[in-house]
């Protein structure tokens, strides 16, 4: 079983750990319902051959962008089933977008929105992760060395902590 890293200072009062050391889902009931937004991003690095096949839509499996977009949206809706201590949320919007940022480098951005008592960071992160994995799956026949890089949160808004943006 994984333990807390000794290099990291433990939280004064861990939010997901009971006094006996067992895990629990945080009670968000007393928190105010506010508009929540999160934006996550991943980069997918591939060969020129894979990029050309994606751009020309010549993959044997079909439209990789459509498949990855739908997979990301579906994944965001299933986040509470995948990540144990997250809360199920009624999402008001999820989007998955693709941008070529350099030769062989595809940027995938996902956003999630809701009006709730907890944030949607994990939903946006799950959407972008599954969209990137789907892109790999759709192109792996051409190239096994595709790399999913730097999956990260870009921005979150809402709740007590307000707005946060990656530097």
Protein backbone atom coordinates (compact mmCIF):
# COMPACT_ATOMS: atom_id res chain seq x y z
CA UNK A 1 0.00 0.00 0.00
CA UNK A 2 1.28 3.48 -0.86
CA UNK A 3 2.10 5.84 1.98
CA UNK A 4 2.54 9.58 2.16
CA UNK A 5 5.90 10.71 0.85
CA UNK A 6 8.37 11.56 3.62
CA UNK A 7 9.54 14.54 1.58
CA UNK A 8 6.14 16.19 1.71
CA UNK A 9 4.84 17.85 4.87
CA UNK A 10 1.66 16.11 6.04
CA UNK A 11 -1.50 18.20 6.11
CA UNK A 12 -2.46 19.62 9.49
CA UNK A 13 -5.88 17.98 9.14
CA UNK A 14 -6.12 15.57 6.20
CA UNK A 15 -9.50 15.90 4.52
CA UNK A 16 -9.93 12.28 3.38
CA UNK A 17 -8.47 10.41 6.37
CA UNK A 18 -10.35 9.49 9.52
CA UNK A 19 -8.58 9.51 12.90
CA UNK A 20 -8.22 5.71 12.67
CA UNK A 21 -6.37 6.05 9.34
CA UNK A 22 -9.16 4.78 7.11
CA UNK A 23 -10.25 6.76 4.07
CA UNK A 24 -13.52 8.63 3.66
CA UNK A 25 -15.28 10.78 1.11
CA UNK A 26 -15.31 14.42 2.25
CA UNK A 27 -18.72 15.76 3.29
CA UNK A 28 -19.42 18.65 0.93
CA UNK A 29 -22.99 19.07 2.21
CA UNK A 30 -22.30 22.24 4.22
CA UNK A 31 -20.45 23.90 1.31
CA UNK A 32 -22.17 26.52 -0.82
CA UNK A 33 -23.25 25.56 -4.32
CA UNK A 34 -21.28 27.72 -6.76
CA UNK A 35 -20.42 27.72 -10.44
CA UNK A 36 -17.36 25.51 -11.00
CA UNK A 37 -15.05 25.35 -14.01
CA UNK A 38 -11.86 23.45 -14.77
CA UNK A 39 -9.54 23.28 -17.79
CA UNK A 40 -7.00 20.47 -18.24
CA UNK A 41 -4.48 19.79 -21.00
CA UNK A 42 -2.38 16.93 -22.33
CA UNK A 43 0.15 16.77 -25.12
CA UNK A 44 0.42 13.78 -27.45
CA UNK A 45 3.74 13.42 -29.29
CA UNK A 46 3.88 11.30 -32.44
CA UNK A 47 5.76 10.72 -35.67
CA UNK A 48 5.19 12.67 -38.86
CA UNK A 49 3.52 9.58 -40.38
CA UNK A 50 0.95 9.42 -37.57
CA UNK A 51 0.31 13.16 -37.79
CA UNK A 52 -0.33 12.95 -41.54
CA UNK A 53 -2.73 10.02 -41.07
CA UNK A 54 -4.63 11.97 -38.41
CA UNK A 55 -4.76 15.17 -40.45
CA UNK A 56 -5.91 13.32 -43.59
CA UNK A 57 -8.32 11.04 -41.65
CA UNK A 58 -6.86 7.89 -43.24
CA UNK A 59 -6.67 5.69 -40.13
CA UNK A 60 -8.08 2.19 -40.53
CA UNK A 61 -10.11 2.59 -37.30
CA UNK A 62 -11.85 5.74 -38.52
CA UNK A 63 -12.10 9.30 -37.24
CA UNK A 64 -9.71 9.47 -34.29
CA UNK A 65 -10.73 13.01 -33.35
CA UNK A 66 -14.43 12.12 -33.09
CA UNK A 67 -13.67 8.95 -31.13
CA UNK A 68 -11.33 10.76 -28.72
CA UNK A 69 -13.74 13.65 -28.25
CA UNK A 70 -16.66 11.35 -27.40
CA UNK A 71 -14.45 9.17 -25.17
CA UNK A 72 -13.28 12.24 -23.23
CA UNK A 73 -16.81 13.51 -22.69
CA UNK A 74 -18.03 10.07 -21.61
CA UNK A 75 -15.06 9.69 -19.24
CA UNK A 76 -15.76 13.02 -17.54
CA UNK A 77 -19.28 11.80 -16.81
CA UNK A 78 -17.86 8.61 -15.23
CA UNK A 79 -15.17 10.21 -13.04
CA UNK A 80 -16.81 9.23 -9.73
CA UNK A 81 -16.82 5.59 -10.91
CA UNK A 82 -13.11 5.72 -11.74
CA UNK A 83 -11.54 7.76 -8.94
CA UNK A 84 -12.61 6.43 -5.53
CA UNK A 85 -13.11 9.54 -3.39
CA UNK A 86 -14.58 11.90 -5.97
CA UNK A 87 -18.20 12.99 -5.79
CA UNK A 88 -20.66 12.24 -8.58
CA UNK A 89 -21.48 15.53 -10.29
CA UNK A 90 -24.19 16.67 -12.65
CA UNK A 91 -22.02 18.26 -15.32
CA UNK A 92 -23.54 21.17 -17.21
CA UNK A 93 -20.86 21.15 -19.92
CA UNK A 94 -17.82 19.16 -21.02
CA UNK A 95 -15.74 19.98 -24.07
CA UNK A 96 -12.72 18.33 -25.66
CA UNK A 97 -10.70 20.27 -28.26
CA UNK A 98 -7.62 19.44 -30.37
CA UNK A 99 -4.87 21.76 -31.64
CA UNK A 100 -1.64 20.98 -33.48
CA UNK A 101 0.95 23.09 -31.62
CA UNK A 102 4.10 21.85 -33.40
CA UNK A 103 5.16 19.15 -35.82
CA UNK A 104 4.05 15.85 -34.33
CA UNK A 105 2.64 17.49 -31.20
CA UNK A 106 -1.10 17.43 -30.60
CA UNK A 107 -2.54 19.44 -27.73
CA UNK A 108 -5.77 18.19 -26.18
CA UNK A 109 -7.78 20.56 -23.99
CA UNK A 110 -10.79 19.57 -21.92
CA UNK A 111 -13.08 21.79 -19.88
CA UNK A 112 -15.80 20.83 -17.43
CA UNK A 113 -18.48 22.98 -15.81
CA UNK A 114 -21.14 22.50 -13.16
CA UNK A 115 -22.98 24.25 -10.39
CA UNK A 116 -22.09 22.20 -7.32
CA UNK A 117 -20.55 22.03 -3.85
CA UNK A 118 -17.24 20.65 -5.13
CA UNK A 119 -14.98 21.30 -8.09
CA UNK A 120 -14.67 19.68 -11.50
CA UNK A 121 -10.88 19.44 -11.75
CA UNK A 122 -10.92 15.64 -11.78
CA UNK A 123 -13.61 15.57 -14.46
CA UNK A 124 -11.54 17.80 -16.77
CA UNK A 125 -8.39 15.79 -16.04
CA UNK A 126 -10.18 12.49 -16.66
CA UNK A 127 -11.63 13.79 -19.93
CA UNK A 128 -8.26 14.86 -21.29
CA UNK A 129 -6.52 11.66 -20.11
CA UNK A 130 -9.06 9.36 -21.77
CA UNK A 131 -9.13 11.49 -24.94
CA UNK A 132 -5.32 11.16 -25.13
CA UNK A 133 -5.46 7.39 -24.52
CA UNK A 134 -8.12 7.06 -27.22
CA UNK A 135 -5.92 8.99 -29.64
CA UNK A 136 -3.13 6.50 -28.85
CA UNK A 137 -5.48 3.56 -29.38
CA UNK A 138 -6.68 4.90 -32.71
CA UNK A 139 -3.13 5.40 -34.06
CA UNK A 140 -1.18 2.55 -32.43
CA UNK A 141 -1.32 0.44 -35.61
CA UNK A 142 0.93 3.05 -37.23
CA UNK A 143 3.14 3.77 -34.24
CA UNK A 144 3.58 2.22 -30.80
CA UNK A 145 5.92 4.98 -29.60
CA UNK A 146 3.32 7.71 -29.27
CA UNK A 147 3.84 9.52 -25.96
CA UNK A 148 1.22 11.19 -23.79
CA UNK A 149 2.97 14.08 -22.07
CA UNK A 150 2.35 16.70 -19.40
CA UNK A 151 -1.24 15.98 -18.47
CA UNK A 152 -2.06 18.85 -16.12
CA UNK A 153 -4.63 21.21 -14.74
CA UNK A 154 -4.48 24.61 -16.47
CA UNK A 155 -7.19 26.49 -14.58
CA UNK A 156 -9.98 26.07 -12.05
CA UNK A 157 -12.62 28.53 -10.93
CA UNK A 158 -15.27 28.51 -8.23
CA UNK A 159 -15.62 27.49 -4.64
CA UNK A 160 -13.98 28.86 -1.54
CA UNK A 161 -10.49 28.94 -3.06
CA UNK A 162 -11.70 30.93 -6.09
CA UNK A 163 -9.58 31.03 -9.23
CA UNK A 164 -6.31 29.19 -9.76
CA UNK A 165 -4.26 29.26 -12.97
CA UNK A 166 -1.10 27.33 -13.81
CA UNK A 167 1.98 29.47 -14.26
